[in-house]
N, C-alpha and C. Protein backbone atom coordinates (compact mmCIF):
# COMPACT_ATOMS: atom_id res chain seq x y z
N MET A 1 121.38 75.40 108.42
CA MET A 1 120.94 76.79 108.50
C MET A 1 120.59 77.29 107.10
N ARG A 2 119.35 77.75 106.92
CA ARG A 2 118.95 78.22 105.60
C ARG A 2 119.56 79.58 105.31
N ARG A 3 119.69 79.89 104.04
CA ARG A 3 120.30 81.15 103.63
C ARG A 3 119.32 82.29 103.93
N PRO A 4 119.79 83.35 104.57
CA PRO A 4 118.89 84.45 104.89
C PRO A 4 118.54 85.30 103.67
N LEU A 5 117.42 85.97 103.77
CA LEU A 5 117.05 86.99 102.78
C LEU A 5 117.85 88.25 103.06
N VAL A 6 118.13 89.01 102.01
CA VAL A 6 118.87 90.27 102.15
C VAL A 6 117.95 91.41 101.75
N ALA A 7 117.86 92.41 102.63
CA ALA A 7 116.93 93.53 102.43
C ALA A 7 117.69 94.85 102.56
N PRO A 8 118.27 95.36 101.47
CA PRO A 8 118.95 96.65 101.54
C PRO A 8 117.99 97.79 101.89
N SER A 9 118.48 98.68 102.73
CA SER A 9 117.66 99.81 103.18
C SER A 9 118.01 101.06 102.38
N ILE A 10 116.98 101.69 101.80
CA ILE A 10 117.22 102.90 101.01
C ILE A 10 117.50 104.11 101.89
N LEU A 11 117.49 103.93 103.22
CA LEU A 11 117.90 105.01 104.10
C LEU A 11 119.32 105.46 103.79
N SER A 12 120.16 104.54 103.33
CA SER A 12 121.56 104.85 103.05
C SER A 12 121.81 105.22 101.60
N ALA A 13 120.75 105.32 100.80
CA ALA A 13 120.90 105.68 99.39
C ALA A 13 120.98 107.20 99.24
N ASP A 14 121.33 107.64 98.06
CA ASP A 14 121.29 109.07 97.71
C ASP A 14 119.82 109.45 97.51
N PHE A 15 119.30 110.30 98.38
CA PHE A 15 117.88 110.64 98.32
C PHE A 15 117.50 111.34 97.02
N ALA A 16 118.46 111.90 96.33
CA ALA A 16 118.18 112.55 95.05
C ALA A 16 118.02 111.53 93.93
N ASN A 17 118.36 110.26 94.20
CA ASN A 17 118.30 109.23 93.17
C ASN A 17 117.69 107.95 93.72
N LEU A 18 116.55 108.06 94.39
CA LEU A 18 115.96 106.88 95.02
C LEU A 18 115.45 105.87 94.00
N GLY A 19 114.98 106.35 92.87
CA GLY A 19 114.56 105.42 91.83
C GLY A 19 115.71 104.55 91.37
N GLN A 20 116.86 105.16 91.16
CA GLN A 20 118.05 104.40 90.77
C GLN A 20 118.48 103.45 91.88
N ALA A 21 118.31 103.88 93.14
CA ALA A 21 118.66 103.00 94.27
C ALA A 21 117.82 101.73 94.26
N VAL A 22 116.52 101.87 93.99
CA VAL A 22 115.64 100.71 93.90
C VAL A 22 116.07 99.82 92.74
N ASP A 23 116.40 100.43 91.62
CA ASP A 23 116.88 99.65 90.47
C ASP A 23 118.15 98.88 90.84
N ASP A 24 119.04 99.54 91.57
CA ASP A 24 120.31 98.90 91.95
C ASP A 24 120.07 97.72 92.89
N ILE A 25 119.13 97.89 93.82
CA ILE A 25 118.81 96.79 94.73
C ILE A 25 118.29 95.58 93.95
N ALA A 26 117.38 95.85 93.02
CA ALA A 26 116.82 94.76 92.21
C ALA A 26 117.91 94.08 91.39
N ALA A 27 118.80 94.89 90.82
CA ALA A 27 119.86 94.34 89.97
C ALA A 27 120.88 93.53 90.76
N SER A 28 121.00 93.80 92.05
CA SER A 28 121.99 93.12 92.88
C SER A 28 121.60 91.68 93.22
N GLY A 29 120.34 91.35 93.01
CA GLY A 29 119.85 90.02 93.40
C GLY A 29 119.36 89.96 94.82
N ALA A 30 119.27 91.11 95.49
CA ALA A 30 118.72 91.15 96.85
C ALA A 30 117.25 90.74 96.83
N ASP A 31 116.71 90.46 98.00
CA ASP A 31 115.38 89.85 98.09
C ASP A 31 114.27 90.85 98.38
N TRP A 32 114.52 91.83 99.23
CA TRP A 32 113.52 92.82 99.63
C TRP A 32 114.11 94.21 99.53
N ILE A 33 113.22 95.20 99.54
CA ILE A 33 113.62 96.61 99.66
C ILE A 33 113.09 97.12 100.99
N HIS A 34 114.01 97.54 101.85
CA HIS A 34 113.65 98.01 103.19
C HIS A 34 113.51 99.53 103.18
N VAL A 35 112.40 100.01 103.73
CA VAL A 35 112.09 101.45 103.73
C VAL A 35 111.92 101.92 105.17
N ASP A 36 112.85 102.73 105.64
CA ASP A 36 112.82 103.25 107.00
C ASP A 36 112.05 104.56 107.04
N VAL A 37 110.88 104.53 107.66
CA VAL A 37 110.03 105.72 107.76
C VAL A 37 110.22 106.33 109.15
N MET A 38 110.73 107.56 109.18
CA MET A 38 111.02 108.24 110.45
C MET A 38 110.25 109.54 110.52
N ASP A 39 109.74 109.85 111.71
CA ASP A 39 108.81 110.99 111.84
C ASP A 39 109.36 112.20 112.58
N GLY A 40 110.63 112.16 112.99
CA GLY A 40 111.17 113.28 113.75
C GLY A 40 110.64 113.35 115.17
N ASN A 41 109.99 112.29 115.62
CA ASN A 41 109.39 112.26 116.95
C ASN A 41 109.84 111.00 117.69
N PHE A 42 109.46 109.85 117.17
CA PHE A 42 109.95 108.59 117.77
C PHE A 42 111.46 108.50 117.64
N VAL A 43 111.97 108.95 116.50
CA VAL A 43 113.41 109.10 116.28
C VAL A 43 113.64 110.52 115.73
N PRO A 44 114.84 111.09 115.90
CA PRO A 44 115.04 112.49 115.51
C PRO A 44 114.87 112.80 114.02
N PRO A 45 115.37 111.99 113.09
CA PRO A 45 115.27 112.39 111.68
C PRO A 45 113.85 112.25 111.12
N ILE A 46 113.64 112.87 109.98
CA ILE A 46 112.44 112.71 109.17
C ILE A 46 112.89 112.16 107.82
N THR A 47 112.24 111.10 107.36
CA THR A 47 112.67 110.53 106.07
C THR A 47 111.55 110.55 105.03
N PHE A 48 110.78 109.47 104.93
CA PHE A 48 109.91 109.27 103.79
C PHE A 48 108.44 109.22 104.19
N GLY A 49 107.59 109.52 103.22
CA GLY A 49 106.16 109.35 103.40
C GLY A 49 105.61 108.30 102.46
N ALA A 50 104.30 108.09 102.54
CA ALA A 50 103.66 107.04 101.74
C ALA A 50 103.76 107.32 100.25
N LYS A 51 103.74 108.58 99.85
CA LYS A 51 103.80 108.88 98.42
C LYS A 51 105.10 108.41 97.80
N MET A 52 106.19 108.49 98.56
CA MET A 52 107.45 108.00 98.03
C MET A 52 107.39 106.51 97.75
N VAL A 53 106.78 105.76 98.67
CA VAL A 53 106.61 104.32 98.46
C VAL A 53 105.74 104.09 97.22
N GLU A 54 104.67 104.85 97.09
CA GLU A 54 103.79 104.71 95.92
C GLU A 54 104.54 104.98 94.63
N ASP A 55 105.37 106.03 94.62
CA ASP A 55 106.10 106.40 93.41
C ASP A 55 107.18 105.38 93.05
N LEU A 56 107.79 104.75 94.07
CA LEU A 56 108.85 103.79 93.81
C LEU A 56 108.33 102.38 93.54
N ARG A 57 107.09 102.13 93.92
CA ARG A 57 106.54 100.78 93.86
C ARG A 57 106.68 100.16 92.47
N GLY A 58 106.50 100.96 91.44
CA GLY A 58 106.56 100.43 90.08
C GLY A 58 107.95 100.17 89.56
N ARG A 59 108.97 100.52 90.34
CA ARG A 59 110.35 100.34 89.86
C ARG A 59 110.86 98.92 90.05
N ALA A 60 110.23 98.14 90.95
CA ALA A 60 110.74 96.79 91.21
C ALA A 60 109.60 95.89 91.69
N ALA A 61 109.70 94.63 91.35
CA ALA A 61 108.71 93.65 91.79
C ALA A 61 109.02 93.09 93.17
N LEU A 62 110.16 93.45 93.73
CA LEU A 62 110.56 92.93 95.04
C LEU A 62 109.60 93.41 96.13
N PRO A 63 109.45 92.63 97.20
CA PRO A 63 108.62 93.07 98.32
C PRO A 63 109.18 94.36 98.94
N PHE A 64 108.28 95.27 99.27
CA PHE A 64 108.63 96.48 99.99
C PHE A 64 108.37 96.25 101.48
N ASP A 65 109.44 96.37 102.25
CA ASP A 65 109.44 96.10 103.69
C ASP A 65 109.49 97.45 104.41
N VAL A 66 108.33 97.96 104.82
CA VAL A 66 108.23 99.30 105.40
C VAL A 66 108.33 99.23 106.92
N HIS A 67 109.29 99.95 107.45
CA HIS A 67 109.58 99.96 108.89
C HIS A 67 109.19 101.32 109.44
N LEU A 68 108.10 101.37 110.19
CA LEU A 68 107.58 102.62 110.74
C LEU A 68 108.27 102.92 112.07
N MET A 69 109.20 103.85 112.05
CA MET A 69 109.82 104.35 113.27
C MET A 69 109.12 105.66 113.63
N THR A 70 107.87 105.52 114.05
CA THR A 70 107.00 106.67 114.24
C THR A 70 106.15 106.50 115.49
N ARG A 71 105.71 107.61 116.04
CA ARG A 71 104.68 107.58 117.05
C ARG A 71 103.34 107.28 116.37
N ALA A 72 102.40 106.76 117.14
CA ALA A 72 101.04 106.46 116.64
C ALA A 72 101.08 105.79 115.27
N PRO A 73 101.76 104.66 115.13
CA PRO A 73 101.88 104.02 113.82
C PRO A 73 100.54 103.64 113.22
N GLU A 74 99.55 103.41 114.08
CA GLU A 74 98.22 103.03 113.57
C GLU A 74 97.64 104.07 112.63
N ASN A 75 98.05 105.33 112.78
CA ASN A 75 97.53 106.38 111.92
C ASN A 75 98.14 106.35 110.52
N LEU A 76 99.29 105.69 110.37
CA LEU A 76 99.99 105.67 109.09
C LEU A 76 99.79 104.37 108.32
N VAL A 77 99.36 103.34 109.00
CA VAL A 77 99.23 102.03 108.35
C VAL A 77 98.38 102.07 107.09
N PRO A 78 97.18 102.66 107.10
CA PRO A 78 96.36 102.63 105.88
C PRO A 78 97.04 103.26 104.67
N ALA A 79 97.74 104.38 104.87
CA ALA A 79 98.37 105.06 103.75
C ALA A 79 99.50 104.23 103.15
N PHE A 80 100.30 103.61 103.99
CA PHE A 80 101.40 102.80 103.46
C PHE A 80 100.89 101.50 102.85
N ALA A 81 99.82 100.97 103.37
CA ALA A 81 99.21 99.80 102.74
C ALA A 81 98.71 100.14 101.34
N ALA A 82 98.03 101.27 101.23
CA ALA A 82 97.51 101.70 99.93
C ALA A 82 98.64 102.03 98.96
N ALA A 83 99.78 102.48 99.49
CA ALA A 83 100.92 102.86 98.64
C ALA A 83 101.64 101.66 98.04
N GLY A 84 101.41 100.47 98.60
CA GLY A 84 102.02 99.28 98.02
C GLY A 84 103.00 98.54 98.90
N ALA A 85 103.05 98.88 100.19
CA ALA A 85 103.92 98.12 101.10
C ALA A 85 103.45 96.67 101.17
N ASP A 86 104.40 95.76 101.27
CA ASP A 86 104.07 94.34 101.43
C ASP A 86 104.13 93.93 102.90
N TYR A 87 105.17 94.38 103.57
CA TYR A 87 105.31 94.20 105.01
C TYR A 87 105.24 95.58 105.66
N ILE A 88 104.51 95.70 106.76
CA ILE A 88 104.47 96.93 107.54
C ILE A 88 104.81 96.57 108.98
N THR A 89 105.92 97.15 109.44
CA THR A 89 106.42 96.87 110.79
C THR A 89 106.39 98.15 111.61
N PHE A 90 105.89 98.06 112.83
CA PHE A 90 105.87 99.20 113.74
C PHE A 90 106.62 98.83 115.01
N HIS A 91 106.88 99.82 115.84
CA HIS A 91 107.64 99.59 117.07
C HIS A 91 106.71 99.32 118.25
N LEU A 92 107.03 98.26 118.98
CA LEU A 92 106.29 97.95 120.20
C LEU A 92 106.30 99.15 121.15
N GLU A 93 107.41 99.85 121.21
CA GLU A 93 107.55 100.98 122.13
C GLU A 93 106.67 102.17 121.76
N ALA A 94 106.15 102.19 120.53
CA ALA A 94 105.37 103.32 120.05
C ALA A 94 103.87 103.07 120.02
N ALA A 95 103.45 101.86 120.36
CA ALA A 95 102.04 101.49 120.22
C ALA A 95 101.49 101.00 121.55
N VAL A 96 100.40 101.61 122.00
CA VAL A 96 99.74 101.17 123.22
C VAL A 96 98.96 99.88 122.96
N HIS A 97 98.27 99.84 121.83
CA HIS A 97 97.42 98.69 121.49
C HIS A 97 98.06 97.93 120.33
N ALA A 98 99.18 97.29 120.60
CA ALA A 98 99.96 96.65 119.55
C ALA A 98 99.18 95.54 118.85
N HIS A 99 98.41 94.78 119.60
CA HIS A 99 97.64 93.69 118.99
C HIS A 99 96.67 94.24 117.96
N ARG A 100 96.03 95.36 118.27
CA ARG A 100 95.08 95.98 117.35
C ARG A 100 95.77 96.46 116.08
N VAL A 101 96.98 97.02 116.23
CA VAL A 101 97.72 97.47 115.05
C VAL A 101 98.04 96.29 114.14
N LEU A 102 98.47 95.18 114.74
CA LEU A 102 98.74 93.98 113.94
C LEU A 102 97.49 93.51 113.20
N GLN A 103 96.37 93.51 113.89
CA GLN A 103 95.10 93.13 113.25
C GLN A 103 94.77 94.04 112.09
N ASN A 104 95.00 95.33 112.29
CA ASN A 104 94.67 96.29 111.23
C ASN A 104 95.55 96.08 110.00
N ILE A 105 96.83 95.81 110.22
CA ILE A 105 97.73 95.58 109.09
C ILE A 105 97.30 94.34 108.31
N ARG A 106 97.04 93.26 109.03
CA ARG A 106 96.60 92.03 108.35
C ARG A 106 95.24 92.22 107.68
N GLY A 107 94.38 93.02 108.31
CA GLY A 107 93.07 93.28 107.74
C GLY A 107 93.13 94.01 106.41
N LEU A 108 94.23 94.71 106.17
CA LEU A 108 94.45 95.40 104.90
C LEU A 108 95.18 94.52 103.89
N GLY A 109 95.37 93.26 104.24
CA GLY A 109 95.98 92.31 103.32
C GLY A 109 97.49 92.37 103.29
N LYS A 110 98.11 92.94 104.33
CA LYS A 110 99.56 93.07 104.38
C LYS A 110 100.15 92.17 105.46
N LYS A 111 101.43 91.92 105.35
CA LYS A 111 102.15 91.16 106.37
C LYS A 111 102.47 92.10 107.54
N ALA A 112 102.22 91.64 108.75
CA ALA A 112 102.34 92.49 109.93
C ALA A 112 103.61 92.19 110.70
N GLY A 113 104.36 93.25 111.00
CA GLY A 113 105.59 93.09 111.74
C GLY A 113 105.64 93.99 112.96
N VAL A 114 106.42 93.58 113.95
CA VAL A 114 106.65 94.39 115.14
C VAL A 114 108.15 94.40 115.42
N SER A 115 108.64 95.56 115.89
CA SER A 115 110.06 95.73 116.12
C SER A 115 110.32 96.17 117.55
N ILE A 116 111.54 95.88 118.03
CA ILE A 116 111.97 96.33 119.35
C ILE A 116 113.35 96.97 119.25
N VAL A 117 113.57 98.00 120.06
CA VAL A 117 114.87 98.67 120.13
C VAL A 117 115.79 97.86 121.05
N PRO A 118 117.09 98.16 121.06
CA PRO A 118 118.02 97.36 121.87
C PRO A 118 117.69 97.29 123.35
N SER A 119 117.06 98.32 123.91
CA SER A 119 116.79 98.31 125.35
C SER A 119 115.52 97.56 125.74
N THR A 120 114.75 97.11 124.77
CA THR A 120 113.51 96.37 125.05
C THR A 120 113.79 94.87 125.07
N PRO A 121 113.42 94.17 126.13
CA PRO A 121 113.66 92.72 126.17
C PRO A 121 112.77 91.97 125.19
N ALA A 122 113.30 90.92 124.64
CA ALA A 122 112.54 90.13 123.67
C ALA A 122 111.29 89.53 124.29
N GLY A 123 111.32 89.27 125.59
CA GLY A 123 110.16 88.70 126.26
C GLY A 123 108.93 89.57 126.19
N ALA A 124 109.11 90.87 125.96
CA ALA A 124 107.96 91.78 125.85
C ALA A 124 107.08 91.44 124.65
N LEU A 125 107.61 90.65 123.71
CA LEU A 125 106.86 90.30 122.51
C LEU A 125 106.08 89.00 122.64
N SER A 126 106.25 88.29 123.73
CA SER A 126 105.76 86.91 123.81
C SER A 126 104.27 86.77 123.52
N CYS A 127 103.46 87.70 123.99
CA CYS A 127 102.01 87.58 123.78
C CYS A 127 101.59 87.93 122.36
N LEU A 128 102.48 88.57 121.60
CA LEU A 128 102.13 89.00 120.25
C LEU A 128 102.57 88.01 119.18
N LEU A 129 103.45 87.10 119.51
CA LEU A 129 104.07 86.25 118.48
C LEU A 129 103.08 85.45 117.65
N PRO A 130 101.95 84.97 118.20
CA PRO A 130 101.01 84.24 117.35
C PRO A 130 100.34 85.11 116.28
N PHE A 131 100.50 86.44 116.38
CA PHE A 131 99.77 87.35 115.50
C PHE A 131 100.67 88.10 114.53
N VAL A 132 101.96 87.75 114.49
CA VAL A 132 102.89 88.49 113.64
C VAL A 132 103.38 87.62 112.48
N ASP A 133 103.77 88.31 111.41
CA ASP A 133 104.42 87.66 110.27
C ASP A 133 105.92 87.92 110.29
N LEU A 134 106.33 88.95 111.04
CA LEU A 134 107.72 89.37 111.07
C LEU A 134 108.03 90.00 112.42
N VAL A 135 109.19 89.66 112.97
CA VAL A 135 109.72 90.35 114.15
C VAL A 135 111.06 90.94 113.74
N LEU A 136 111.20 92.25 113.95
CA LEU A 136 112.43 92.95 113.60
C LEU A 136 113.18 93.33 114.88
N VAL A 137 114.35 92.75 115.05
CA VAL A 137 115.20 93.05 116.20
C VAL A 137 116.22 94.11 115.79
N MET A 138 116.14 95.27 116.42
CA MET A 138 117.09 96.34 116.14
C MET A 138 118.39 96.08 116.89
N THR A 139 119.50 96.16 116.16
CA THR A 139 120.80 95.96 116.77
C THR A 139 121.60 97.26 116.79
N VAL A 140 120.91 98.36 116.57
CA VAL A 140 121.40 99.71 116.87
C VAL A 140 120.20 100.49 117.40
N ASN A 141 120.47 101.62 118.03
CA ASN A 141 119.37 102.50 118.41
C ASN A 141 118.88 103.21 117.15
N PRO A 142 117.60 103.08 116.81
CA PRO A 142 117.12 103.51 115.50
C PRO A 142 117.22 105.02 115.29
N GLY A 143 117.36 105.38 114.03
CA GLY A 143 117.37 106.78 113.66
C GLY A 143 118.44 107.14 112.66
N TYR A 144 119.57 106.45 112.70
CA TYR A 144 120.70 106.83 111.84
C TYR A 144 121.36 105.60 111.26
N GLY A 145 121.76 105.70 110.00
CA GLY A 145 122.50 104.63 109.36
C GLY A 145 123.97 104.70 109.75
N GLY A 146 124.70 103.63 109.44
CA GLY A 146 126.13 103.61 109.64
C GLY A 146 126.60 103.35 111.05
N GLN A 147 125.71 102.93 111.94
CA GLN A 147 126.11 102.66 113.32
C GLN A 147 126.72 101.26 113.46
N THR A 148 127.40 101.05 114.58
CA THR A 148 128.03 99.76 114.87
C THR A 148 127.01 98.81 115.49
N CYS A 149 126.98 97.61 115.00
CA CYS A 149 126.05 96.59 115.48
C CYS A 149 126.29 96.27 116.95
N ILE A 150 125.21 96.23 117.72
CA ILE A 150 125.26 95.78 119.12
C ILE A 150 125.03 94.28 119.09
N THR A 151 126.11 93.53 119.02
CA THR A 151 125.99 92.09 118.81
C THR A 151 125.37 91.36 120.00
N GLU A 152 125.37 92.01 121.17
CA GLU A 152 124.70 91.41 122.32
C GLU A 152 123.22 91.17 122.06
N CYS A 153 122.65 91.92 121.12
CA CYS A 153 121.22 91.76 120.79
C CYS A 153 120.94 90.46 120.05
N PHE A 154 122.00 89.79 119.55
CA PHE A 154 121.77 88.52 118.86
C PHE A 154 121.13 87.49 119.78
N SER A 155 121.34 87.62 121.09
CA SER A 155 120.71 86.68 122.02
C SER A 155 119.20 86.80 121.98
N LYS A 156 118.67 87.98 121.63
CA LYS A 156 117.22 88.13 121.48
C LYS A 156 116.72 87.31 120.30
N ILE A 157 117.49 87.31 119.23
CA ILE A 157 117.11 86.52 118.06
C ILE A 157 117.08 85.04 118.42
N GLU A 158 118.08 84.59 119.15
CA GLU A 158 118.11 83.19 119.58
C GLU A 158 116.89 82.85 120.43
N TYR A 159 116.55 83.74 121.34
CA TYR A 159 115.39 83.53 122.22
C TYR A 159 114.09 83.45 121.41
N LEU A 160 113.92 84.37 120.48
CA LEU A 160 112.70 84.39 119.68
C LEU A 160 112.63 83.19 118.74
N ALA A 161 113.77 82.78 118.21
CA ALA A 161 113.80 81.59 117.35
C ALA A 161 113.41 80.35 118.15
N ARG A 162 113.86 80.28 119.39
CA ARG A 162 113.50 79.15 120.25
C ARG A 162 111.99 79.14 120.54
N LEU A 163 111.42 80.31 120.85
CA LEU A 163 109.98 80.38 121.08
C LEU A 163 109.20 79.99 119.83
N ARG A 164 109.69 80.42 118.69
CA ARG A 164 109.02 80.09 117.42
C ARG A 164 108.94 78.58 117.23
N THR A 165 110.02 77.91 117.52
CA THR A 165 110.03 76.45 117.40
C THR A 165 109.13 75.80 118.43
N GLU A 166 109.24 76.23 119.66
CA GLU A 166 108.46 75.63 120.75
C GLU A 166 106.96 75.81 120.52
N GLN A 167 106.56 76.97 120.00
CA GLN A 167 105.15 77.27 119.82
C GLN A 167 104.64 76.93 118.42
N LYS A 168 105.53 76.38 117.60
CA LYS A 168 105.19 75.98 116.22
C LYS A 168 104.61 77.16 115.43
N LEU A 169 105.29 78.28 115.49
CA LEU A 169 104.90 79.49 114.77
C LEU A 169 105.77 79.62 113.52
N ASP A 170 105.40 80.55 112.63
CA ASP A 170 106.13 80.64 111.36
C ASP A 170 106.49 82.06 110.96
N PHE A 171 106.60 82.98 111.92
CA PHE A 171 106.99 84.34 111.58
C PHE A 171 108.48 84.37 111.19
N LEU A 172 108.84 85.42 110.44
CA LEU A 172 110.22 85.63 110.07
C LEU A 172 110.91 86.49 111.12
N LEU A 173 112.19 86.24 111.32
CA LEU A 173 113.01 87.04 112.21
C LEU A 173 113.96 87.89 111.38
N SER A 174 113.84 89.21 111.55
CA SER A 174 114.67 90.15 110.81
C SER A 174 115.59 90.87 111.78
N VAL A 175 116.76 91.29 111.28
CA VAL A 175 117.71 92.03 112.10
C VAL A 175 118.17 93.26 111.33
N ASP A 176 118.29 94.38 112.03
CA ASP A 176 118.59 95.66 111.38
C ASP A 176 119.51 96.47 112.28
N GLY A 177 120.68 96.85 111.72
CA GLY A 177 121.58 97.72 112.45
C GLY A 177 123.01 97.24 112.40
N GLY A 178 123.83 97.89 111.60
CA GLY A 178 125.23 97.51 111.53
C GLY A 178 125.48 96.16 110.89
N ILE A 179 124.58 95.73 110.01
CA ILE A 179 124.75 94.41 109.37
C ILE A 179 125.65 94.54 108.15
N ASN A 180 126.75 93.84 108.20
CA ASN A 180 127.72 93.83 107.12
C ASN A 180 128.34 92.44 107.04
N GLU A 181 129.41 92.30 106.29
CA GLU A 181 130.00 90.97 106.13
C GLU A 181 130.56 90.42 107.43
N SER A 182 130.92 91.30 108.35
CA SER A 182 131.48 90.85 109.63
C SER A 182 130.42 90.40 110.62
N THR A 183 129.23 90.97 110.54
CA THR A 183 128.19 90.70 111.53
C THR A 183 127.08 89.79 111.01
N ALA A 184 126.95 89.66 109.71
CA ALA A 184 125.84 88.90 109.13
C ALA A 184 125.85 87.44 109.56
N ARG A 185 127.03 86.84 109.62
CA ARG A 185 127.11 85.42 109.95
C ARG A 185 126.59 85.15 111.37
N GLY A 186 126.96 86.02 112.32
CA GLY A 186 126.48 85.86 113.68
C GLY A 186 124.99 86.03 113.79
N ALA A 187 124.44 87.00 113.03
CA ALA A 187 122.99 87.21 113.05
C ALA A 187 122.26 86.01 112.48
N ALA A 188 122.76 85.48 111.36
CA ALA A 188 122.13 84.32 110.75
C ALA A 188 122.25 83.09 111.63
N ALA A 189 123.40 82.92 112.28
CA ALA A 189 123.59 81.78 113.17
C ALA A 189 122.65 81.85 114.36
N ALA A 190 122.31 83.07 114.78
CA ALA A 190 121.38 83.23 115.90
C ALA A 190 119.94 82.90 115.50
N GLY A 191 119.66 82.91 114.19
CA GLY A 191 118.33 82.56 113.73
C GLY A 191 117.67 83.58 112.84
N ALA A 192 118.38 84.64 112.45
CA ALA A 192 117.78 85.67 111.60
C ALA A 192 117.49 85.12 110.21
N ASP A 193 116.29 85.41 109.73
CA ASP A 193 115.87 85.02 108.38
C ASP A 193 116.08 86.13 107.38
N VAL A 194 116.09 87.39 107.87
CA VAL A 194 116.18 88.56 107.00
C VAL A 194 117.28 89.46 107.54
N LEU A 195 118.22 89.84 106.68
CA LEU A 195 119.31 90.73 107.05
C LEU A 195 119.08 92.08 106.38
N VAL A 196 118.78 93.10 107.19
CA VAL A 196 118.63 94.46 106.67
C VAL A 196 120.00 95.11 106.68
N THR A 197 120.41 95.64 105.54
CA THR A 197 121.73 96.25 105.42
C THR A 197 121.61 97.57 104.68
N GLY A 198 122.31 98.57 105.15
CA GLY A 198 122.18 99.89 104.55
C GLY A 198 123.47 100.41 103.97
N SER A 199 124.28 101.05 104.81
CA SER A 199 125.50 101.68 104.33
C SER A 199 126.48 100.66 103.76
N ALA A 200 126.51 99.45 104.31
CA ALA A 200 127.43 98.43 103.79
C ALA A 200 127.06 98.03 102.37
N PHE A 201 125.75 97.96 102.09
CA PHE A 201 125.32 97.62 100.73
C PHE A 201 125.65 98.74 99.75
N PHE A 202 125.25 99.97 100.08
CA PHE A 202 125.45 101.06 99.13
C PHE A 202 126.92 101.48 99.02
N GLY A 203 127.72 101.08 100.00
CA GLY A 203 129.15 101.35 99.92
C GLY A 203 129.96 100.27 99.25
N ALA A 204 129.31 99.17 98.88
CA ALA A 204 130.03 98.04 98.27
C ALA A 204 130.39 98.34 96.83
N ALA A 205 131.60 97.98 96.44
CA ALA A 205 132.03 98.18 95.06
C ALA A 205 131.26 97.29 94.10
N ASP A 206 130.97 96.07 94.52
CA ASP A 206 130.20 95.11 93.73
C ASP A 206 129.03 94.66 94.60
N ARG A 207 127.87 95.24 94.38
CA ARG A 207 126.74 94.99 95.27
C ARG A 207 126.18 93.58 95.12
N ALA A 208 126.21 93.04 93.93
CA ALA A 208 125.74 91.67 93.74
C ALA A 208 126.63 90.69 94.50
N ALA A 209 127.92 90.89 94.43
CA ALA A 209 128.85 90.03 95.16
C ALA A 209 128.67 90.21 96.66
N PHE A 210 128.42 91.44 97.09
CA PHE A 210 128.19 91.70 98.52
C PHE A 210 126.97 90.94 99.01
N VAL A 211 125.89 90.96 98.25
CA VAL A 211 124.66 90.25 98.64
C VAL A 211 124.94 88.77 98.78
N GLU A 212 125.68 88.20 97.85
CA GLU A 212 126.00 86.76 97.94
C GLU A 212 126.86 86.45 99.15
N ARG A 213 127.80 87.32 99.45
CA ARG A 213 128.65 87.09 100.63
C ARG A 213 127.84 87.22 101.92
N LEU A 214 126.86 88.12 101.92
CA LEU A 214 126.04 88.29 103.11
C LEU A 214 125.19 87.03 103.37
N ARG A 215 124.75 86.42 102.32
CA ARG A 215 123.94 85.21 102.46
C ARG A 215 124.75 84.03 103.01
N GLY A 216 126.05 84.11 102.88
CA GLY A 216 126.90 83.06 103.43
C GLY A 216 127.13 81.89 102.51
């Protein structure tokens, strides 16, 4: 089993010090910076816009992993691509023409991702897998940090990892929601390549040591 990438989410950072949060992620040895974009519609809270990504982009060379928890994600893709996102992930539940959104993201030179909430079966993604660079499996209902991981969702990761092998595809499998030292091993064993962690990372006394422990 290869060591997973660790992607701390700035959703759990102090919003008054987001630049420092990005610096801290880079200093910890983590692999990606995860940015949860919420619109107050698809999920209740409102978080960040493209300008914030643009302003933070120069603080770290790490890939910016932008997760659009928004309605009509196709309307936001160009702005976040221009702002410097490396990966742009949208929700299957929020897009009528998901294949077109994936094409648009790749057409802008970015890595295209699609995500599903806990109530959506992994099989709903089967027709899209040849066109994605990343699949994000939510293990909490999106919108708020600090929730408890729904470990039953790990079976979706196993299913998608099996399809990836059978179809000889090369997308990454990411998991987001309640990922900490207790849940990371199960997620990685199920086949997750990327571990998104929020409150557990920012609450760690030694963040570099936490990242190493999460990798296993």
